[in-house]
């Protein structure tokens, strides 16, 4: 009997040592409140890193948050932005849609999705995303302007007109809204109103070169080649070397030059 007890001692000692070592090696429990506060700080830091163009730094911070909170909408949004900056538009769209599913009332989330969809040339869908952002933040004319721009790209000119008129009312400082509105009107054949809108754009935003291009197209549609030529000439002085200048404006100048002289 005594022999059995002696034989058991090494075994019991081994169990005791193993349990003690396991206890020493286990991680201390983290206070949930402290963890939540740390993750909030990480999100704040990540926003700053992303704003400053430090994409990889932001990515590490957002990943840390998602390890603890896989459905955190701000972290999903941030990772979507990271993917967008890396031109991974499919992944960006997936992450941003997931962030919106988790929290649908943040205008920036929808606007970020709109930017991704523009990169994918999905203009109607981009307009819808920017439209939701504008709905959530009606004082931000930039959202409405982006909605209108993409409706124009999608050839939904009547819808674009409605949106852009609203933008002009709520945010008079939204740049280029008048030239975009002029485009929507011109494409619907409302030439007189389009021309008035382009001229107003030239007065209020003298550096809006597309207001001159748009006016030139209206004058050309009205067979007023002399004034069309004047508008194209002004455009080219503002934009000498872009693709549009080379392939459209200069070509128009060559076509209209003789016609303007004859007229």
Protein backbone atom coordinates (compact mmCIF):
# COMPACT_ATOMS: atom_id res chain seq x y z
CA UNK A 1 0.00 0.00 0.00
CA UNK A 2 2.76 2.40 0.93
CA UNK A 3 4.60 1.33 -2.21
CA UNK A 4 1.57 2.26 -4.32
CA UNK A 5 1.42 5.74 -2.75
CA UNK A 6 5.10 6.30 -3.39
CA UNK A 7 4.65 5.20 -6.98
CA UNK A 8 1.79 7.67 -7.45
CA UNK A 9 3.73 10.69 -6.18
CA UNK A 10 5.69 11.38 -9.38
CA UNK A 11 2.48 11.10 -11.42
CA UNK A 12 0.57 13.49 -9.15
CA UNK A 13 3.50 15.90 -9.11
CA UNK A 14 3.59 15.89 -12.92
CA UNK A 15 -0.12 16.74 -13.08
CA UNK A 16 0.33 19.55 -10.56
CA UNK A 17 3.26 21.02 -12.45
CA UNK A 18 1.42 20.79 -15.78
CA UNK A 19 -1.67 22.54 -14.43
CA UNK A 20 0.48 25.23 -12.82
CA UNK A 21 2.39 25.83 -16.06
CA UNK A 22 -0.86 26.01 -18.00
CA UNK A 23 -2.23 28.58 -15.57
CA UNK A 24 0.90 30.66 -15.86
CA UNK A 25 0.85 30.56 -19.64
CA UNK A 26 -2.85 31.47 -20.07
CA UNK A 27 -3.57 35.04 -21.15
CA UNK A 28 -5.05 37.34 -18.56
CA UNK A 29 -8.69 38.22 -19.12
CA UNK A 30 -9.26 41.52 -20.94
CA UNK A 31 -11.77 43.98 -19.57
CA UNK A 32 -14.45 44.33 -22.32
CA UNK A 33 -14.74 48.05 -21.64
CA UNK A 34 -11.00 48.54 -22.00
CA UNK A 35 -10.96 46.51 -25.22
CA UNK A 36 -13.84 48.54 -26.68
CA UNK A 37 -12.04 51.78 -25.81
CA UNK A 38 -8.85 50.53 -27.45
CA UNK A 39 -10.68 49.53 -30.62
CA UNK A 40 -12.31 52.96 -30.77
CA UNK A 41 -8.86 54.53 -30.52
CA UNK A 42 -7.66 52.24 -33.31
CA UNK A 43 -10.54 53.39 -35.50
CA UNK A 44 -9.67 57.02 -34.83
CA UNK A 45 -6.04 56.38 -35.72
CA UNK A 46 -7.01 54.45 -38.85
CA UNK A 47 -9.17 57.32 -40.12
CA UNK A 48 -6.24 59.69 -39.78
CA UNK A 49 -3.82 57.27 -41.45
CA UNK A 50 -6.21 56.76 -44.35
CA UNK A 51 -6.77 60.50 -44.72
CA UNK A 52 -3.00 61.04 -44.80
CA UNK A 53 -2.51 58.37 -47.46
CA UNK A 54 -0.87 55.86 -45.11
CA UNK A 55 -2.96 53.01 -46.47
CA UNK A 56 -0.97 50.08 -45.06
CA UNK A 57 -0.95 51.58 -41.57
CA UNK A 58 -4.69 52.09 -41.76
CA UNK A 59 -5.18 48.54 -43.02
CA UNK A 60 -3.39 47.03 -39.99
CA UNK A 61 -5.51 49.05 -37.59
CA UNK A 62 -8.77 48.16 -39.32
CA UNK A 63 -7.79 44.48 -39.43
CA UNK A 64 -7.14 44.53 -35.69
CA UNK A 65 -10.62 45.88 -35.07
CA UNK A 66 -12.22 43.27 -37.32
CA UNK A 67 -10.40 40.45 -35.51
CA UNK A 68 -12.38 41.38 -32.40
CA UNK A 69 -15.49 42.80 -34.06
CA UNK A 70 -15.97 41.15 -37.49
CA UNK A 71 -19.14 43.13 -38.23
CA UNK A 72 -17.88 46.56 -37.13
CA UNK A 73 -19.34 48.85 -39.84
CA UNK A 74 -16.66 51.54 -39.53
CA UNK A 75 -13.86 49.00 -39.88
CA UNK A 76 -15.58 47.36 -42.86
CA UNK A 77 -15.96 50.78 -44.45
CA UNK A 78 -12.31 51.51 -43.79
CA UNK A 79 -11.18 48.24 -45.32
CA UNK A 80 -13.40 48.99 -48.30
CA UNK A 81 -11.64 52.31 -48.69
CA UNK A 82 -8.28 50.56 -48.44
CA UNK A 83 -9.29 48.12 -51.19
CA UNK A 84 -10.45 51.04 -53.34
CA UNK A 85 -7.12 52.80 -52.89
CA UNK A 86 -5.45 49.60 -54.08
CA UNK A 87 -7.78 49.48 -57.13
CA UNK A 88 -9.38 46.24 -55.91
CA UNK A 89 -12.85 47.44 -56.78
CA UNK A 90 -14.65 44.12 -56.42
CA UNK A 91 -13.37 43.63 -52.88
CA UNK A 92 -14.05 47.28 -52.08
CA UNK A 93 -17.65 46.94 -53.24
CA UNK A 94 -18.13 43.77 -51.19
CA UNK A 95 -16.79 45.37 -48.01
CA UNK A 96 -18.70 48.60 -48.43
CA UNK A 97 -21.96 46.79 -49.08
CA UNK A 98 -21.33 44.79 -45.92
CA UNK A 99 -20.69 47.98 -43.94
CA UNK A 100 -23.96 49.45 -45.26
CA UNK A 101 -25.82 46.27 -44.35
CA UNK A 102 -24.52 46.68 -40.80
CA UNK A 103 -25.27 50.42 -40.59
CA UNK A 104 -27.26 51.94 -43.43
CA UNK A 105 -27.65 55.50 -42.15
CA UNK A 106 -24.12 56.82 -42.75
CA UNK A 107 -23.87 58.99 -45.87
CA UNK A 108 -20.11 58.48 -46.26
CA UNK A 109 -20.55 54.72 -46.62
CA UNK A 110 -22.92 55.16 -49.58
CA UNK A 111 -20.72 57.85 -51.15
CA UNK A 112 -17.68 55.57 -50.92
CA UNK A 113 -19.66 52.83 -52.63
CA UNK A 114 -20.62 55.33 -55.32
CA UNK A 115 -16.95 56.11 -55.99
CA UNK A 116 -16.18 52.40 -56.39
CA UNK A 117 -19.08 51.95 -58.81
CA UNK A 118 -17.89 54.91 -60.88
CA UNK A 119 -14.52 53.17 -61.20
CA UNK A 120 -16.39 50.12 -62.47
CA UNK A 121 -18.32 52.34 -64.93
CA UNK A 122 -21.58 51.27 -63.33
CA UNK A 123 -22.99 54.77 -63.60
CA UNK A 124 -26.65 54.10 -62.84
CA UNK A 125 -25.72 52.14 -59.72
CA UNK A 126 -23.24 54.84 -58.72
CA UNK A 127 -25.98 57.46 -59.08
CA UNK A 128 -28.20 55.40 -56.78
CA UNK A 129 -25.45 55.17 -54.15
CA UNK A 130 -24.73 58.89 -54.26
CA UNK A 131 -28.47 59.53 -54.21
CA UNK A 132 -28.76 57.63 -50.94
CA UNK A 133 -25.86 59.65 -49.52
CA UNK A 134 -27.60 62.87 -50.59
CA UNK A 135 -30.84 61.66 -49.03
CA UNK A 136 -29.05 61.09 -45.72
CA UNK A 137 -27.13 64.38 -45.86
CA UNK A 138 -29.23 66.79 -47.89
CA UNK A 139 -27.01 69.77 -47.10
CA UNK A 140 -24.01 68.20 -48.83
CA UNK A 141 -24.37 69.33 -52.41
CA UNK A 142 -21.34 67.32 -53.50
CA UNK A 143 -23.32 64.11 -53.01
CA UNK A 144 -26.15 65.43 -55.15
CA UNK A 145 -23.70 66.71 -57.76
CA UNK A 146 -22.14 63.25 -58.02
CA UNK A 147 -25.60 61.75 -58.31
CA UNK A 148 -26.45 64.14 -61.13
CA UNK A 149 -23.13 63.59 -62.93
CA UNK A 150 -23.65 59.85 -62.93
CA UNK A 151 -27.26 60.15 -64.05
CA UNK A 152 -25.94 62.15 -67.00
CA UNK A 153 -23.36 59.44 -67.68
CA UNK A 154 -26.17 56.86 -67.55
CA UNK A 155 -28.13 59.04 -70.04
CA UNK A 156 -30.91 59.58 -67.53
CA UNK A 157 -31.02 63.27 -68.33
CA UNK A 158 -34.50 64.10 -67.01
CA UNK A 159 -33.68 62.55 -63.64
CA UNK A 160 -30.35 64.36 -63.62
CA UNK A 161 -32.10 67.67 -64.24
CA UNK A 162 -34.33 67.20 -61.18
CA UNK A 163 -31.41 66.32 -58.92
CA UNK A 164 -29.11 69.08 -60.18
CA UNK A 165 -31.79 71.74 -59.78
CA UNK A 166 -32.14 70.66 -56.17
CA UNK A 167 -28.38 70.83 -55.66
CA UNK A 168 -28.30 74.36 -57.07
CA UNK A 169 -30.96 75.33 -54.51
CA UNK A 170 -29.47 73.75 -51.40
CA UNK A 171 -25.76 74.29 -52.02
CA UNK A 172 -24.94 77.23 -54.24
CA UNK A 173 -21.23 76.61 -53.62
CA UNK A 174 -21.32 73.17 -55.26
CA UNK A 175 -18.90 73.74 -58.12
CA UNK A 176 -19.80 72.71 -61.66
CA UNK A 177 -23.44 72.02 -60.81
CA UNK A 178 -24.57 74.56 -63.41
CA UNK A 179 -22.53 73.08 -66.23
CA UNK A 180 -23.81 69.61 -65.35
CA UNK A 181 -27.36 70.99 -65.31
CA UNK A 182 -26.69 72.61 -68.66
CA UNK A 183 -25.61 69.22 -70.03
CA UNK A 184 -28.82 67.59 -68.80
CA UNK A 185 -30.91 70.33 -70.40
CA UNK A 186 -28.98 70.27 -73.68
CA UNK A 187 -29.30 66.51 -74.02
CA UNK A 188 -33.07 66.91 -73.67
CA UNK A 189 -33.16 69.50 -76.44
CA UNK A 190 -33.84 72.42 -74.08
CA UNK A 191 -31.27 74.53 -75.88
CA UNK A 192 -32.26 78.03 -74.79
CA UNK A 193 -32.41 77.12 -71.11
CA UNK A 194 -29.19 75.13 -71.44
CA UNK A 195 -27.39 78.13 -72.96
CA UNK A 196 -28.65 80.43 -70.20
CA UNK A 197 -27.42 77.91 -67.62
CA UNK A 198 -23.97 77.62 -69.22
CA UNK A 199 -23.62 81.41 -69.32
CA UNK A 200 -24.55 81.63 -65.66
CA UNK A 201 -21.94 78.95 -64.92
CA UNK A 202 -19.30 80.99 -66.76
CA UNK A 203 -20.16 84.04 -64.66
CA UNK A 204 -20.26 82.28 -61.31
CA UNK A 205 -17.37 79.88 -61.96
CA UNK A 206 -15.05 81.42 -64.57
CA UNK A 207 -12.70 78.43 -64.35
CA UNK A 208 -15.45 75.95 -65.28
CA UNK A 209 -14.11 75.05 -68.71
CA UNK A 210 -16.96 72.64 -69.46
CA UNK A 211 -19.40 75.54 -69.30
CA UNK A 212 -17.65 76.90 -72.42
CA UNK A 213 -17.67 73.52 -74.13
CA UNK A 214 -21.35 73.10 -73.36
CA UNK A 215 -22.20 76.57 -74.67
CA UNK A 216 -20.22 75.83 -77.82
CA UNK A 217 -22.26 72.69 -78.43
CA UNK A 218 -25.51 74.63 -77.96
CA UNK A 219 -24.43 77.35 -80.40
CA UNK A 220 -23.44 74.67 -82.89
CA UNK A 221 -26.85 73.01 -82.53
CA UNK A 222 -28.38 76.41 -83.25
CA UNK A 223 -26.17 76.79 -86.37
CA UNK A 224 -24.44 79.80 -84.79
CA UNK A 225 -20.95 78.74 -85.77
CA UNK A 226 -19.31 82.08 -85.02
CA UNK A 227 -20.31 82.02 -81.35
CA UNK A 228 -19.57 78.29 -81.16
CA UNK A 229 -16.06 79.00 -82.41
CA UNK A 230 -15.61 81.72 -79.79
CA UNK A 231 -16.62 79.32 -77.02
CA UNK A 232 -14.32 76.54 -78.26
CA UNK A 233 -11.47 79.01 -78.51
CA UNK A 234 -11.97 80.03 -74.88
CA UNK A 235 -12.13 76.39 -73.84
CA UNK A 236 -8.83 75.58 -75.54
CA UNK A 237 -7.13 78.53 -73.87
CA UNK A 238 -8.20 77.04 -70.54
CA UNK A 239 -7.35 73.45 -71.46
CA UNK A 240 -4.68 73.16 -74.09
CA UNK A 241 -3.67 69.56 -73.93
CA UNK A 242 -6.21 67.19 -72.40
CA UNK A 243 -7.65 64.29 -74.37
CA UNK A 244 -10.96 66.14 -74.70
CA UNK A 245 -9.18 69.23 -75.94
CA UNK A 246 -7.23 67.25 -78.52
CA UNK A 247 -9.99 64.94 -79.75
CA UNK A 248 -13.04 67.20 -79.48
CA UNK A 249 -12.34 70.90 -79.00
CA UNK A 250 -9.52 71.28 -81.55
CA UNK A 251 -11.36 69.13 -84.04
CA UNK A 252 -14.41 71.36 -83.66
CA UNK A 253 -12.27 74.45 -84.21
CA UNK A 254 -11.01 73.05 -87.49
CA UNK A 255 -14.50 72.09 -88.62
CA UNK A 256 -16.16 75.36 -87.63
CA UNK A 257 -13.43 77.72 -88.77
CA UNK A 258 -14.38 77.79 -92.45
CA UNK A 259 -18.10 77.66 -91.64
CA UNK A 260 -17.78 80.63 -89.27
CA UNK A 261 -15.91 82.58 -91.94
CA UNK A 262 -18.66 81.82 -94.47
CA UNK A 263 -21.37 82.76 -91.97
